[in-house]
Amino acid sequence: MNVTEELRSVTRTRKLLNAMLWLIVLGAIFYSLMTSTPLVSAHSHWAWSGWALGALTDAAFILSISADAVLSRHGISSGRWPTAFRWVTGLASLFLNTWSSVAERDWVGVAIHAIAPAILICAAEVAPIYRRKFRDLETALNALVTEEKVTQLVTPKRVTRNKKESVVTVTPLVTAPVTGPLVTAEEKEVTKEGLSVAKQGIRDAYLEGLSATEAAKKVGKSRPYVSKVYKEIREGLGLTA
């Protein structure tokens, strides 16, 4: 599996999911305003204000969806009160959409006008779950991509120069997977990932978030050497100014 491509695919799907959610919300709000306005106007002293209650209900629902979108990106569950708030606004929208049909005992009309609010309520409940799951998946894939890039950055390279064509070819010293440690021409022990034991230790320390000083103590190398490798990693990852 190409981890980078998989991460891009997951990110695209998450963005599509978010766009579809807002399409559902906007469609349901538009339909709700058309359905609820006549009902509210008929029971209001100011007939022209019939749209206001529907707009207020829908604005409250948008507030809930927007807040949850931010919290979900950081893996935070909104809790009971926000859930209750979503349900109150959703049920209010359901009432405004269906009561005219209920009063007329038009059960087909009730079913038809209940579809948009029901979809809206379900979308509001399932969207936070999807967002948190996608966030966790993207976090895991980002970690794998970072590990892959760091491994490539610290893997020893062999430089081949073609003087006639002025071409420089850079290839890893180890190009095929191995089942255990091996010894290179320079008599340095190399792991199955093509790294020296020291560099693999530095790579692991970097991924663990250790400082250069801590990494130097862990792998038994000088701090200047570890700092140099850390600098190369950061430059390769584009983390330096």
C-alpha atoms as a PDB file:
ATOM      1  CA  MET A   1       0.000   0.000   0.000  1.00  0.00           C
ATOM      2  CA  ASN A   2       1.260   3.453  -0.958  1.00  0.00           C
ATOM      3  CA  VAL A   3       0.748   5.288   2.324  1.00  0.00           C
ATOM      4  CA  THR A   4       1.011   8.767   0.801  1.00  0.00           C
ATOM      5  CA  GLU A   5      -1.643   8.018  -1.834  1.00  0.00           C
ATOM      6  CA  GLU A   6      -3.881   6.418   0.779  1.00  0.00           C
ATOM      7  CA  LEU A   7      -3.581   9.531   2.946  1.00  0.00           C
ATOM      8  CA  ARG A   8      -4.556  11.730  -0.002  1.00  0.00           C
ATOM      9  CA  SER A   9      -7.520   9.461  -0.747  1.00  0.00           C
ATOM     10  CA  VAL A  10      -8.726   9.608   2.863  1.00  0.00           C
ATOM     11  CA  THR A  11      -8.340  13.405   2.926  1.00  0.00           C
ATOM     12  CA  ARG A  12     -10.334  13.749  -0.311  1.00  0.00           C
ATOM     13  CA  THR A  13     -13.086  11.516   1.073  1.00  0.00           C
ATOM     14  CA  ARG A  14     -13.239  13.525   4.307  1.00  0.00           C
ATOM     15  CA  LYS A  15     -13.596  16.770   2.370  1.00  0.00           C
ATOM     16  CA  LEU A  16     -16.303  15.222   0.179  1.00  0.00           C
ATOM     17  CA  LEU A  17     -18.160  14.033   3.282  1.00  0.00           C
ATOM     18  CA  ASN A  18     -18.031  17.521   4.768  1.00  0.00           C
ATOM     19  CA  ALA A  19     -19.269  19.094   1.528  1.00  0.00           C
ATOM     20  CA  MET A  20     -22.149  16.602   1.290  1.00  0.00           C
ATOM     21  CA  LEU A  21     -23.133  17.309   4.892  1.00  0.00           C
ATOM     22  CA  TRP A  22     -23.423  21.022   4.215  1.00  0.00           C
ATOM     23  CA  LEU A  23     -25.353  20.321   1.002  1.00  0.00           C
ATOM     24  CA  ILE A  24     -27.840  18.268   3.047  1.00  0.00           C
ATOM     25  CA  VAL A  25     -28.075  21.009   5.680  1.00  0.00           C
ATOM     26  CA  LEU A  26     -28.660  23.797   3.150  1.00  0.00           C
ATOM     27  CA  GLY A  27     -31.196  21.726   1.191  1.00  0.00           C
ATOM     28  CA  ALA A  28     -33.115  20.806   4.343  1.00  0.00           C
ATOM     29  CA  ILE A  29     -33.120  24.435   5.541  1.00  0.00           C
ATOM     30  CA  PHE A  30     -34.427  25.698   2.203  1.00  0.00           C
ATOM     31  CA  TYR A  31     -37.188  23.061   2.148  1.00  0.00           C
ATOM     32  CA  SER A  32     -38.030  23.669   5.803  1.00  0.00           C
ATOM     33  CA  LEU A  33     -38.474  27.411   5.297  1.00  0.00           C
ATOM     34  CA  MET A  34     -40.907  26.826   2.430  1.00  0.00           C
ATOM     35  CA  THR A  35     -42.920  24.323   4.505  1.00  0.00           C
ATOM     36  CA  SER A  36     -42.905  26.000   7.913  1.00  0.00           C
ATOM     37  CA  THR A  37     -43.480  29.623   6.879  1.00  0.00           C
ATOM     38  CA  PRO A  38     -47.209  29.210   6.005  1.00  0.00           C
ATOM     39  CA  LEU A  39     -47.862  27.409   9.320  1.00  0.00           C
ATOM     40  CA  VAL A  40     -46.161  30.070  11.439  1.00  0.00           C
ATOM     41  CA  SER A  41     -47.738  32.911   9.438  1.00  0.00           C
ATOM     42  CA  ALA A  42     -51.212  31.472  10.034  1.00  0.00           C
ATOM     43  CA  HIS A  43     -50.619  31.513  13.807  1.00  0.00           C
ATOM     44  CA  SER A  44     -48.815  34.840  14.075  1.00  0.00           C
ATOM     45  CA  HIS A  45     -50.172  38.358  14.558  1.00  0.00           C
ATOM     46  CA  TRP A  46     -47.699  39.482  11.894  1.00  0.00           C
ATOM     47  CA  ALA A  47     -48.146  37.226   8.883  1.00  0.00           C
ATOM     48  CA  TRP A  48     -45.040  38.598   7.199  1.00  0.00           C
ATOM     49  CA  SER A  49     -42.865  37.231  10.028  1.00  0.00           C
ATOM     50  CA  GLY A  50     -43.683  33.587   9.318  1.00  0.00           C
ATOM     51  CA  TRP A  51     -40.191  32.889   8.056  1.00  0.00           C
ATOM     52  CA  ALA A  52     -38.487  34.096  11.250  1.00  0.00           C
ATOM     53  CA  LEU A  53     -39.148  31.078  13.500  1.00  0.00           C
ATOM     54  CA  GLY A  54     -37.982  28.614  10.850  1.00  0.00           C
ATOM     55  CA  ALA A  55     -34.846  30.697  10.249  1.00  0.00           C
ATOM     56  CA  LEU A  56     -34.170  30.831  13.998  1.00  0.00           C
ATOM     57  CA  THR A  57     -34.487  27.045  14.319  1.00  0.00           C
ATOM     58  CA  ASP A  58     -32.233  26.439  11.337  1.00  0.00           C
ATOM     59  CA  ALA A  59     -29.651  28.973  12.571  1.00  0.00           C
ATOM     60  CA  ALA A  60     -29.477  27.096  15.889  1.00  0.00           C
ATOM     61  CA  PHE A  61     -28.912  23.870  14.003  1.00  0.00           C
ATOM     62  CA  ILE A  62     -26.114  25.421  11.925  1.00  0.00           C
ATOM     63  CA  LEU A  63     -24.516  26.674  15.146  1.00  0.00           C
ATOM     64  CA  SER A  64     -24.480  23.116  16.495  1.00  0.00           C
ATOM     65  CA  ILE A  65     -23.071  21.620  13.283  1.00  0.00           C
ATOM     66  CA  SER A  66     -20.347  24.281  13.003  1.00  0.00           C
ATOM     67  CA  ALA A  67     -19.203  23.931  16.617  1.00  0.00           C
ATOM     68  CA  ASP A  68     -19.097  20.163  16.359  1.00  0.00           C
ATOM     69  CA  ALA A  69     -17.045  20.366  13.143  1.00  0.00           C
ATOM     70  CA  VAL A  70     -14.251  22.216  14.970  1.00  0.00           C
ATOM     71  CA  LEU A  71     -14.348  19.959  18.035  1.00  0.00           C
ATOM     72  CA  SER A  72     -14.340  16.783  15.918  1.00  0.00           C
ATOM     73  CA  ARG A  73     -11.201  17.917  14.076  1.00  0.00           C
ATOM     74  CA  HIS A  74      -9.425  17.790  17.433  1.00  0.00           C
ATOM     75  CA  GLY A  75     -10.993  14.507  18.506  1.00  0.00           C
ATOM     76  CA  ILE A  76     -13.195  16.122  21.172  1.00  0.00           C
ATOM     77  CA  SER A  77     -16.686  14.833  21.895  1.00  0.00           C
ATOM     78  CA  SER A  78     -19.186  17.651  22.430  1.00  0.00           C
ATOM     79  CA  GLY A  79     -21.046  15.949  25.302  1.00  0.00           C
ATOM     80  CA  ARG A  80     -24.663  15.641  26.389  1.00  0.00           C
ATOM     81  CA  TRP A  81     -25.901  19.234  26.231  1.00  0.00           C
ATOM     82  CA  PRO A  82     -24.829  19.844  22.627  1.00  0.00           C
ATOM     83  CA  THR A  83     -26.435  16.511  21.693  1.00  0.00           C
ATOM     84  CA  ALA A  84     -29.660  17.568  23.443  1.00  0.00           C
ATOM     85  CA  PHE A  85     -29.434  20.936  21.671  1.00  0.00           C
ATOM     86  CA  ARG A  86     -29.204  19.227  18.273  1.00  0.00           C
ATOM     87  CA  TRP A  87     -32.200  17.056  19.065  1.00  0.00           C
ATOM     88  CA  VAL A  88     -34.320  19.987  20.305  1.00  0.00           C
ATOM     89  CA  THR A  89     -33.617  21.993  17.140  1.00  0.00           C
ATOM     90  CA  GLY A  90     -34.124  18.901  14.971  1.00  0.00           C
ATOM     91  CA  LEU A  91     -37.466  18.029  16.599  1.00  0.00           C
ATOM     92  CA  ALA A  92     -38.554  21.663  16.371  1.00  0.00           C
ATOM     93  CA  SER A  93     -37.840  21.562  12.649  1.00  0.00           C
ATOM     94  CA  LEU A  94     -39.766  18.289  12.398  1.00  0.00           C
ATOM     95  CA  PHE A  95     -42.786  19.854  14.139  1.00  0.00           C
ATOM     96  CA  LEU A  96     -42.785  22.962  11.955  1.00  0.00           C
ATOM     97  CA  ASN A  97     -42.550  20.845   8.813  1.00  0.00           C
ATOM     98  CA  THR A  98     -45.237  18.278   9.632  1.00  0.00           C
ATOM     99  CA  TRP A  99     -47.877  19.923  11.837  1.00  0.00           C
ATOM    100  CA  SER A 100     -49.962  21.310   8.964  1.00  0.00           C
ATOM    101  CA  SER A 101     -50.291  17.800   7.554  1.00  0.00           C
ATOM    102  CA  VAL A 102     -50.963  16.321  11.007  1.00  0.00           C
ATOM    103  CA  ALA A 103     -53.792  18.824  11.604  1.00  0.00           C
ATOM    104  CA  GLU A 104     -55.359  17.848   8.285  1.00  0.00           C
ATOM    105  CA  ARG A 105     -54.773  14.135   8.982  1.00  0.00           C
ATOM    106  CA  ASP A 106     -52.806  13.950   5.748  1.00  0.00           C
ATOM    107  CA  TRP A 107     -50.478  11.094   6.734  1.00  0.00           C
ATOM    108  CA  VAL A 108     -48.811  10.927   3.353  1.00  0.00           C
ATOM    109  CA  GLY A 109     -48.021  14.623   3.709  1.00  0.00           C
ATOM    110  CA  VAL A 110     -46.658  13.973   7.208  1.00  0.00           C
ATOM    111  CA  ALA A 111     -44.330  11.306   5.853  1.00  0.00           C
ATOM    112  CA  ILE A 112     -43.164  13.478   2.967  1.00  0.00           C
ATOM    113  CA  HIS A 113     -42.511  16.562   5.100  1.00  0.00           C
ATOM    114  CA  ALA A 114     -40.776  14.486   7.802  1.00  0.00           C
ATOM    115  CA  ILE A 115     -38.092  13.226   5.417  1.00  0.00           C
ATOM    116  CA  ALA A 116     -35.939  16.400   5.363  1.00  0.00           C
ATOM    117  CA  PRO A 117     -35.902  16.940   9.169  1.00  0.00           C
ATOM    118  CA  ALA A 118     -35.276  13.239   9.783  1.00  0.00           C
ATOM    119  CA  ILE A 119     -32.291  13.241   7.410  1.00  0.00           C
ATOM    120  CA  LEU A 120     -31.031  16.417   9.072  1.00  0.00           C
ATOM    121  CA  ILE A 121     -31.244  14.890  12.567  1.00  0.00           C
ATOM    122  CA  CYS A 122     -29.469  11.701  11.466  1.00  0.00           C
ATOM    123  CA  ALA A 123     -26.795  13.652   9.583  1.00  0.00           C
ATOM    124  CA  ALA A 124     -26.141  15.755  12.690  1.00  0.00           C
ATOM    125  CA  GLU A 125     -25.614  12.617  14.778  1.00  0.00           C
ATOM    126  CA  VAL A 126     -23.510  10.626  12.321  1.00  0.00           C
ATOM    127  CA  ALA A 127     -21.303  13.515  11.107  1.00  0.00           C
ATOM    128  CA  PRO A 128     -19.319  13.847  14.387  1.00  0.00           C
ATOM    129  CA  ILE A 129     -18.645  10.102  14.390  1.00  0.00           C
ATOM    130  CA  TYR A 130     -17.404  10.174  10.793  1.00  0.00           C
ATOM    131  CA  ARG A 131     -15.255  13.229  11.475  1.00  0.00           C
ATOM    132  CA  ARG A 132     -13.557  11.703  14.523  1.00  0.00           C
ATOM    133  CA  LYS A 133     -12.936   8.416  12.675  1.00  0.00           C
ATOM    134  CA  PHE A 134     -11.448  10.200   9.678  1.00  0.00           C
ATOM    135  CA  ARG A 135      -9.318  12.360  11.989  1.00  0.00           C
ATOM    136  CA  ASP A 136      -7.923   9.260  13.724  1.00  0.00           C
ATOM    137  CA  LEU A 137      -7.240   7.597  10.371  1.00  0.00           C
ATOM    138  CA  GLU A 138      -5.492  10.667   8.952  1.00  0.00           C
ATOM    139  CA  THR A 139      -3.401  11.014  12.115  1.00  0.00           C
ATOM    140  CA  ALA A 140      -2.275   7.383  11.845  1.00  0.00           C
ATOM    141  CA  LEU A 141      -1.489   7.690   8.132  1.00  0.00           C
ATOM    142  CA  ASN A 142       0.369  10.974   8.694  1.00  0.00           C
ATOM    143  CA  ALA A 143       2.557   9.223  11.245  1.00  0.00           C
ATOM    144  CA  LEU A 144       3.315   6.437   8.734  1.00  0.00           C
ATOM    145  CA  VAL A 145       4.114   8.962   5.991  1.00  0.00           C
ATOM    146  CA  THR A 146       6.438  10.869   8.330  1.00  0.00           C
ATOM    147  CA  GLU A 147       8.168   7.639   9.371  1.00  0.00           C
ATOM    148  CA  GLU A 148       8.599   6.657   5.718  1.00  0.00           C
ATOM    149  CA  LYS A 149      10.072  10.050   4.797  1.00  0.00           C
ATOM    150  CA  VAL A 150      12.404  10.109   7.796  1.00  0.00           C
ATOM    151  CA  THR A 151      13.637   6.605   6.929  1.00  0.00           C
ATOM    152  CA  GLN A 152      14.368   7.718   3.369  1.00  0.00           C
ATOM    153  CA  LEU A 153      16.186  10.811   4.611  1.00  0.00           C
ATOM    154  CA  VAL A 154      18.534   8.919   6.932  1.00  0.00           C
ATOM    155  CA  THR A 155      19.123   5.950   4.605  1.00  0.00           C
ATOM    156  CA  PRO A 156      22.707   5.998   3.271  1.00  0.00           C
ATOM    157  CA  LYS A 157      22.952   6.894  -0.417  1.00  0.00           C
ATOM    158  CA  ARG A 158      25.465   5.849  -3.071  1.00  0.00           C
ATOM    159  CA  VAL A 159      26.347   8.590  -5.571  1.00  0.00           C
ATOM    160  CA  THR A 160      27.263   7.561  -9.131  1.00  0.00           C
ATOM    161  CA  ARG A 161      28.785  10.249 -11.336  1.00  0.00           C
ATOM    162  CA  ASN A 162      28.772  10.067 -15.118  1.00  0.00           C
ATOM    163  CA  LYS A 163      31.482  12.541 -16.187  1.00  0.00           C
ATOM    164  CA  LYS A 164      30.614  12.259 -19.893  1.00  0.00           C
ATOM    165  CA  GLU A 165      26.963  13.254 -19.464  1.00  0.00           C
ATOM    166  CA  SER A 166      27.438  15.219 -16.202  1.00  0.00           C
ATOM    167  CA  VAL A 167      24.715  13.179 -14.559  1.00  0.00           C
ATOM    168  CA  VAL A 168      24.636  12.331 -10.860  1.00  0.00           C
ATOM    169  CA  THR A 169      22.613   9.281  -9.804  1.00  0.00           C
ATOM    170  CA  VAL A 170      21.769   8.772  -6.146  1.00  0.00           C
ATOM    171  CA  THR A 171      20.563   5.335  -5.039  1.00  0.00           C
ATOM    172  CA  PRO A 172      20.155   3.683  -1.647  1.00  0.00           C
ATOM    173  CA  LEU A 173      23.007   1.450  -0.573  1.00  0.00           C
ATOM    174  CA  VAL A 174      20.459  -1.276   0.183  1.00  0.00           C
ATOM    175  CA  THR A 175      17.835  -1.688  -2.546  1.00  0.00           C
ATOM    176  CA  ALA A 176      16.255  -5.004  -1.601  1.00  0.00           C
ATOM    177  CA  PRO A 177      14.581  -6.148   1.616  1.00  0.00           C
ATOM    178  CA  VAL A 178      16.604  -8.342   3.929  1.00  0.00           C
ATOM    179  CA  THR A 179      15.518 -10.584   6.776  1.00  0.00           C
ATOM    180  CA  GLY A 180      18.073  -9.478   9.333  1.00  0.00           C
ATOM    181  CA  PRO A 181      21.169  -7.337   9.916  1.00  0.00           C
ATOM    182  CA  LEU A 182      23.810  -7.391   7.175  1.00  0.00           C
ATOM    183  CA  VAL A 183      27.294  -5.938   6.746  1.00  0.00           C
ATOM    184  CA  THR A 184      28.059  -3.427   4.006  1.00  0.00           C
ATOM    185  CA  ALA A 185      31.302  -2.950   2.156  1.00  0.00           C
ATOM    186  CA  GLU A 186      32.248  -0.443   4.817  1.00  0.00           C
ATOM    187  CA  GLU A 187      31.743  -3.205   7.465  1.00  0.00           C
ATOM    188  CA  LYS A 188      28.930  -1.337   9.170  1.00  0.00           C
ATOM    189  CA  GLU A 189      25.994  -3.276  10.529  1.00  0.00           C
ATOM    190  CA  VAL A 190      22.833  -2.433   8.587  1.00  0.00           C
ATOM    191  CA  THR A 191      19.259  -3.233   9.594  1.00  0.00           C
ATOM    192  CA  LYS A 192      16.561  -4.668   7.343  1.00  0.00           C
ATOM    193  CA  GLU A 193      15.494  -1.109   6.460  1.00  0.00           C
ATOM    194  CA  GLY A 194      18.929  -0.308   5.051  1.00  0.00           C
ATOM    195  CA  LEU A 195      19.978   1.814   8.019  1.00  0.00           C
ATOM    196  CA  SER A 196      22.962   1.573  10.278  1.00  0.00           C
ATOM    197  CA  VAL A 197      22.057   0.696  13.843  1.00  0.00           C
ATOM    198  CA  ALA A 198      23.005   4.214  14.940  1.00  0.00           C
ATOM    199  CA  LYS A 199      20.903   5.934  12.293  1.00  0.00           C
ATOM    200  CA  GLN A 200      17.937   3.725  12.985  1.00  0.00           C
ATOM    201  CA  GLY A 201      18.253   4.681  16.626  1.00  0.00           C
ATOM    202  CA  ILE A 202      18.354   8.363  15.677  1.00  0.00           C
ATOM    203  CA  ARG A 203      15.355   7.934  13.406  1.00  0.00           C
ATOM    204  CA  ASP A 204      13.357   6.229  16.156  1.00  0.00           C
ATOM    205  CA  ALA A 205      14.376   8.921  18.653  1.00  0.00           C
ATOM    206  CA  TYR A 206      13.226  11.655  16.270  1.00  0.00           C
ATOM    207  CA  LEU A 207       9.872   9.950  15.732  1.00  0.00           C
ATOM    208  CA  GLU A 208       9.488   9.600  19.510  1.00  0.00           C
ATOM    209  CA  GLY A 209       9.970  13.354  19.853  1.00  0.00           C
ATOM    210  CA  LEU A 210      13.250  13.139  21.773  1.00  0.00           C
ATOM    211  CA  SER A 211      15.643  16.077  21.754  1.00  0.00           C
ATOM    212  CA  ALA A 212      19.067  15.775  20.120  1.00  0.00           C
ATOM    213  CA  THR A 213      20.679  15.501  23.561  1.00  0.00           C
ATOM    214  CA  GLU A 214      18.334  12.701  24.618  1.00  0.00           C
ATOM    215  CA  ALA A 215      18.819  10.925  21.305  1.00  0.00           C
ATOM    216  CA  ALA A 216      22.618  11.145  21.614  1.00  0.00           C
ATOM    217  CA  LYS A 217      22.473   9.463  25.026  1.00  0.00           C
ATOM    218  CA  LYS A 218      20.110   6.795  23.719  1.00  0.00           C
ATOM    219  CA  VAL A 219      22.147   5.771  20.646  1.00  0.00           C
ATOM    220  CA  GLY A 220      25.596   6.409  22.094  1.00  0.00           C
ATOM    221  CA  LYS A 221      26.624   9.013  19.529  1.00  0.00           C
ATOM    222  CA  SER A 222      27.925  12.545  19.929  1.00  0.00           C
ATOM    223  CA  ARG A 223      25.389  15.310  20.200  1.00  0.00           C
ATOM    224  CA  PRO A 224      26.807  17.292  17.207  1.00  0.00           C
ATOM    225  CA  TYR A 225      26.403  14.206  14.985  1.00  0.00           C
ATOM    226  CA  VAL A 226      22.835  13.628  16.154  1.00  0.00           C
ATOM    227  CA  SER A 227      22.038  17.319  15.720  1.00  0.00           C
ATOM    228  CA  LYS A 228      23.343  17.157  12.165  1.00  0.00           C
ATOM    229  CA  VAL A 229      21.090  14.186  11.352  1.00  0.00           C
ATOM    230  CA  TYR A 230      18.131  15.913  13.017  1.00  0.00           C
ATOM    231  CA  LYS A 231      18.781  19.018  10.907  1.00  0.00           C
ATOM    232  CA  GLU A 232      18.855  16.922   7.717  1.00  0.00           C
ATOM    233  CA  ILE A 233      15.564  15.298   8.704  1.00  0.00           C
ATOM    234  CA  ARG A 234      13.863  18.617   9.411  1.00  0.00           C
ATOM    235  CA  GLU A 235      15.104  20.129   6.151  1.00  0.00           C
ATOM    236  CA  GLY A 236      13.861  17.071   4.268  1.00  0.00           C
ATOM    237  CA  LEU A 237      10.459  17.350   5.897  1.00  0.00           C
ATOM    238  CA  GLY A 238      10.297  21.075   5.185  1.00  0.00           C
ATOM    239  CA  LEU A 239      10.139  21.968   8.885  1.00  0.00           C
ATOM    240  CA  THR A 240      12.839  24.630   8.779  1.00  0.00           C
ATOM    241  CA  ALA A 241      12.306  28.256   7.844  1.00  0.00           C
END
